[in-house]
Amino acid sequence: MKSKPLLFAVFLGAISSSLNGQVITRGPSQLFSSLGFIEIVGPDDPTIKGDVHLFEQRKKGDLDFKVSKSMEDVWINYDIYNSKIILFFKGKRFSIDFSLVDSVTITDTNKKLINSRYLKGVPPNTPLMVLYDSPNLIFFEKPDLKIIKPSYNRELDIGTRDTKIVHEFQYMIFEKDSQNHFFFKQTKNGIKSLEHYKELKEHVKANNYKLDNADDAVKLVKFYEALKFK
């Protein structure tokens, strides 16, 4: 286990060399590589109240890049606010723009966070967590943030000075043959945009599904699939 940091450093250097680049360190503040990693210096923005990361704690996982390279068994998180993958190495944090990443596979759950660039019609560089994948469709959870801006009025000395962050998630179904996609909220009324809404609503009620629970949502999507792809 103690050899993994060394192996990771060697691996990062090997990737950089294979891309005709090199890892260059300029003082303690920045690390540049041909993959675009930059060292994060200093604490998080103190004016933002709330966690901007997808996971409460960093996760071990594998990274695949759109340049057909990969990193395995590294500690990572995803910064939703800045749309960046955060990588933890030797007590330091590094970031890379999510647009340069194809997918992130989380080791403990084996779930995959993908870049939407290969899904026709879906805005590129949208992060999507795969919850269910079948020959007919893929079901995703899309992480997002609600930004509540400061409301402070200096003259009246009222309001809040900080930017507040509220985590919001929505689901997306991508149908493979038609390549249609449907976003919907994690509520009973959120499924109104889907075909067979009446049957879906009755199924939710009969089974007491909580659609903000990913397991219940997957069960509903499987029911939707059975109705649509008979």
Protein backbone atom coordinates (compact mmCIF):
# COMPACT_ATOMS: atom_id res chain seq x y z
CA MET A 1 0.00 0.00 0.00
CA LYS A 2 2.82 2.43 0.79
CA SER A 3 4.08 2.21 -2.76
CA LYS A 4 0.87 3.59 -4.34
CA PRO A 5 1.78 7.31 -4.08
CA LEU A 6 5.10 6.58 -5.79
CA LEU A 7 3.39 4.49 -8.46
CA PHE A 8 0.88 7.27 -9.01
CA ALA A 9 3.64 9.85 -9.46
CA VAL A 10 5.42 7.59 -11.94
CA PHE A 11 2.15 6.97 -13.76
CA LEU A 12 1.40 10.70 -14.03
CA GLY A 13 4.87 11.27 -15.44
CA ALA A 14 4.43 8.43 -17.91
CA ILE A 15 1.17 9.89 -19.16
CA SER A 16 2.76 13.30 -19.56
CA SER A 17 5.73 11.90 -21.50
CA SER A 18 3.51 9.87 -23.78
CA LEU A 19 1.67 13.07 -24.69
CA ASN A 20 4.94 14.83 -25.57
CA GLY A 21 4.68 16.97 -22.46
CA GLN A 22 6.22 17.03 -19.04
CA VAL A 23 5.21 17.79 -15.50
CA ILE A 24 6.66 21.13 -14.47
CA THR A 25 6.58 22.44 -10.91
CA ARG A 26 6.97 26.19 -10.49
CA GLY A 27 7.47 26.79 -6.79
CA PRO A 28 5.02 25.40 -4.24
CA SER A 29 1.91 27.01 -5.72
CA GLN A 30 1.26 25.44 -9.14
CA LEU A 31 1.64 22.14 -10.90
CA PHE A 32 1.18 22.05 -14.67
CA SER A 33 0.89 18.93 -16.78
CA SER A 34 -0.21 18.04 -20.27
CA LEU A 35 -3.42 16.69 -18.73
CA GLY A 36 -4.22 20.09 -17.25
CA PHE A 37 -3.86 19.46 -13.52
CA ILE A 38 -3.39 22.58 -11.41
CA GLU A 39 -2.58 22.60 -7.71
CA ILE A 40 -5.23 24.18 -5.49
CA VAL A 41 -3.64 26.62 -3.07
CA GLY A 42 -5.31 27.99 0.04
CA PRO A 43 -8.67 27.29 1.69
CA ASP A 44 -12.03 27.18 -0.03
CA ASP A 45 -13.79 30.46 -0.75
CA PRO A 46 -14.91 31.73 2.71
CA THR A 47 -17.79 33.73 1.16
CA ILE A 48 -19.50 30.51 0.04
CA LYS A 49 -21.54 28.80 2.76
CA GLY A 50 -22.24 25.19 1.96
CA ASP A 51 -20.37 22.24 0.50
CA VAL A 52 -19.92 22.48 -3.27
CA HIS A 53 -18.67 18.90 -3.62
CA LEU A 54 -20.66 15.95 -4.92
CA PHE A 55 -19.50 13.60 -2.15
CA GLU A 56 -19.41 14.46 1.55
CA GLN A 57 -15.99 12.81 1.75
CA ARG A 58 -13.44 12.13 -0.93
CA LYS A 59 -13.80 8.82 -2.76
CA LYS A 60 -11.32 6.40 -4.23
CA GLY A 61 -11.88 5.81 -7.92
CA ASP A 62 -10.58 5.66 -11.48
CA LEU A 63 -10.39 8.50 -14.00
CA ASP A 64 -10.69 8.17 -17.77
CA PHE A 65 -9.72 11.15 -19.92
CA LYS A 66 -10.86 12.10 -23.40
CA VAL A 67 -7.21 11.77 -24.52
CA SER A 68 -7.56 7.97 -24.03
CA LYS A 69 -5.49 7.93 -20.85
CA SER A 70 -6.52 6.90 -17.37
CA MET A 71 -5.60 6.94 -13.69
CA GLU A 72 -6.57 4.17 -11.30
CA ASP A 73 -7.13 3.95 -7.55
CA VAL A 74 -6.82 7.67 -6.78
CA TRP A 75 -8.66 9.83 -4.22
CA ILE A 76 -11.11 12.19 -5.89
CA ASN A 77 -14.18 14.38 -5.52
CA TYR A 78 -16.21 16.55 -7.87
CA ASP A 79 -16.62 20.30 -7.38
CA ILE A 80 -20.10 21.00 -8.78
CA TYR A 81 -19.81 24.78 -8.39
CA ASN A 82 -16.66 25.08 -10.51
CA SER A 83 -17.24 21.95 -12.65
CA LYS A 84 -13.88 20.44 -11.74
CA ILE A 85 -12.59 17.06 -10.66
CA ILE A 86 -10.58 17.36 -7.44
CA LEU A 87 -7.69 14.93 -6.98
CA PHE A 88 -5.91 14.39 -3.64
CA PHE A 89 -2.24 13.44 -3.72
CA LYS A 90 0.51 13.67 -1.06
CA GLY A 91 -1.52 15.99 1.14
CA LYS A 92 -2.22 18.40 -1.72
CA ARG A 93 -5.26 19.03 -3.88
CA PHE A 94 -5.26 19.31 -7.63
CA SER A 95 -8.06 20.17 -10.01
CA ILE A 96 -8.83 19.46 -13.63
CA ASP A 97 -11.74 20.82 -15.64
CA PHE A 98 -14.52 18.28 -16.04
CA SER A 99 -14.56 18.89 -19.81
CA LEU A 100 -11.26 16.96 -20.01
CA VAL A 101 -12.69 13.89 -18.28
CA ASP A 102 -14.73 11.11 -19.89
CA SER A 103 -15.75 9.28 -16.75
CA VAL A 104 -15.08 8.71 -13.06
CA THR A 105 -15.71 5.26 -11.58
CA ILE A 106 -16.21 5.20 -7.81
CA THR A 107 -14.55 2.16 -6.25
CA ASP A 108 -16.83 1.45 -3.27
CA THR A 109 -20.11 1.64 -5.24
CA ASN A 110 -18.80 0.90 -8.76
CA LYS A 111 -21.02 3.75 -9.96
CA LYS A 112 -19.83 5.86 -12.84
CA LEU A 113 -20.00 9.64 -13.27
CA ILE A 114 -19.81 10.32 -16.99
CA ASN A 115 -19.37 13.32 -19.24
CA SER A 116 -22.45 13.69 -21.45
CA ARG A 117 -20.46 14.61 -24.56
CA TYR A 118 -21.24 11.30 -26.27
CA LEU A 119 -25.00 11.47 -25.70
CA LYS A 120 -26.67 13.04 -28.72
CA GLY A 121 -28.77 16.06 -27.92
CA VAL A 122 -27.58 16.41 -24.33
CA PRO A 123 -25.54 19.53 -23.50
CA PRO A 124 -21.84 18.57 -23.50
CA ASN A 125 -19.79 18.40 -20.30
CA THR A 126 -22.83 17.74 -18.15
CA PRO A 127 -21.95 15.43 -15.23
CA LEU A 128 -24.29 12.43 -15.06
CA MET A 129 -24.19 9.62 -12.49
CA VAL A 130 -25.30 6.32 -14.02
CA LEU A 131 -27.97 4.69 -11.85
CA TYR A 132 -29.24 2.06 -14.31
CA ASP A 133 -28.14 0.90 -17.77
CA SER A 134 -30.04 -1.52 -19.99
CA PRO A 135 -30.28 -2.29 -23.72
CA ASN A 136 -33.18 0.18 -23.93
CA LEU A 137 -32.15 3.16 -21.85
CA ILE A 138 -29.75 4.70 -19.37
CA PHE A 139 -31.01 6.33 -16.19
CA PHE A 140 -28.91 9.11 -14.69
CA GLU A 141 -28.82 11.38 -11.68
CA LYS A 142 -27.61 14.89 -12.55
CA PRO A 143 -25.97 16.76 -9.65
CA ASP A 144 -26.57 20.49 -9.52
CA LEU A 145 -26.47 23.43 -7.14
CA LYS A 146 -28.90 26.19 -6.34
CA ILE A 147 -26.97 29.41 -5.81
CA ILE A 148 -28.48 31.88 -3.34
CA LYS A 149 -26.66 35.15 -3.87
CA PRO A 150 -25.83 37.63 -1.07
CA SER A 151 -28.68 39.98 -0.19
CA TYR A 152 -26.78 42.35 2.08
CA ASN A 153 -27.83 45.99 2.01
CA ARG A 154 -25.03 48.15 3.40
CA GLU A 155 -27.21 51.19 4.03
CA LEU A 156 -29.82 49.27 5.99
CA ASP A 157 -27.35 46.72 7.37
CA ILE A 158 -29.70 43.84 6.63
CA GLY A 159 -29.49 40.65 4.61
CA THR A 160 -26.81 38.02 4.17
CA ARG A 161 -23.22 38.64 3.10
CA ASP A 162 -22.47 35.14 1.88
CA THR A 163 -23.29 33.08 -1.17
CA LYS A 164 -25.24 30.03 -0.04
CA ILE A 165 -25.17 26.65 -1.75
CA VAL A 166 -28.08 24.22 -1.82
CA HIS A 167 -27.62 20.81 -3.44
CA GLU A 168 -30.25 19.94 -6.02
CA PHE A 169 -30.49 16.79 -8.10
CA GLN A 170 -32.64 15.81 -11.02
CA TYR A 171 -32.97 12.63 -13.03
CA MET A 172 -32.51 12.01 -16.73
CA ILE A 173 -33.62 9.11 -18.92
CA PHE A 174 -31.75 8.62 -22.20
CA GLU A 175 -33.45 6.25 -24.67
CA LYS A 176 -30.85 4.53 -26.79
CA ASP A 177 -32.77 3.87 -30.03
CA SER A 178 -34.53 7.22 -30.35
CA GLN A 179 -31.73 9.10 -28.53
CA ASN A 180 -34.38 11.15 -26.80
CA HIS A 181 -33.71 12.32 -23.28
CA PHE A 182 -36.01 13.47 -20.50
CA PHE A 183 -35.10 15.41 -17.37
CA PHE A 184 -37.42 15.23 -14.38
CA LYS A 185 -37.33 16.29 -10.76
CA GLN A 186 -37.10 13.95 -7.77
CA THR A 187 -40.76 14.44 -6.85
CA LYS A 188 -44.04 12.69 -7.63
CA ASN A 189 -45.04 15.57 -9.90
CA GLY A 190 -41.65 15.48 -11.58
CA ILE A 191 -42.63 12.47 -13.68
CA LYS A 192 -45.43 14.32 -15.49
CA SER A 193 -43.24 14.73 -18.58
CA LEU A 194 -42.93 10.97 -19.04
CA GLU A 195 -45.15 8.69 -21.10
CA HIS A 196 -47.57 6.51 -19.13
CA TYR A 197 -47.68 9.14 -16.41
CA LYS A 198 -50.96 7.82 -14.98
CA GLU A 199 -49.58 4.29 -14.57
CA LEU A 200 -46.32 5.64 -13.15
CA LYS A 201 -48.15 7.79 -10.61
CA GLU A 202 -50.28 4.84 -9.48
CA HIS A 203 -47.17 2.67 -9.23
CA VAL A 204 -45.41 5.25 -7.06
CA LYS A 205 -48.44 5.47 -4.76
CA ALA A 206 -48.97 1.71 -4.54
CA ASN A 207 -45.34 1.07 -3.64
CA ASN A 208 -44.84 4.18 -1.50
CA TYR A 209 -41.78 5.16 -3.53
CA LYS A 210 -39.73 8.15 -2.44
CA LEU A 211 -38.31 9.50 -5.66
CA ASP A 212 -35.48 11.34 -3.94
CA ASN A 213 -34.25 7.84 -3.04
CA ALA A 214 -32.16 6.53 -5.94
CA ASP A 215 -33.14 2.88 -5.33
CA ASP A 216 -36.84 3.70 -5.51
CA ALA A 217 -36.26 5.82 -8.60
CA VAL A 218 -34.50 2.94 -10.34
CA LYS A 219 -37.44 0.64 -9.56
CA LEU A 220 -39.81 3.16 -11.11
CA VAL A 221 -37.66 3.50 -14.21
CA LYS A 222 -37.63 -0.27 -14.64
CA PHE A 223 -41.45 -0.19 -14.47
CA TYR A 224 -41.46 2.64 -17.04
CA GLU A 225 -39.17 0.57 -19.26
CA ALA A 226 -41.49 -2.43 -19.07
CA LEU A 227 -44.44 -0.26 -20.16
CA LYS A 228 -42.64 1.53 -22.98
CA PHE A 229 -40.61 -1.32 -24.45
CA LYS A 230 -43.12 -4.17 -24.37
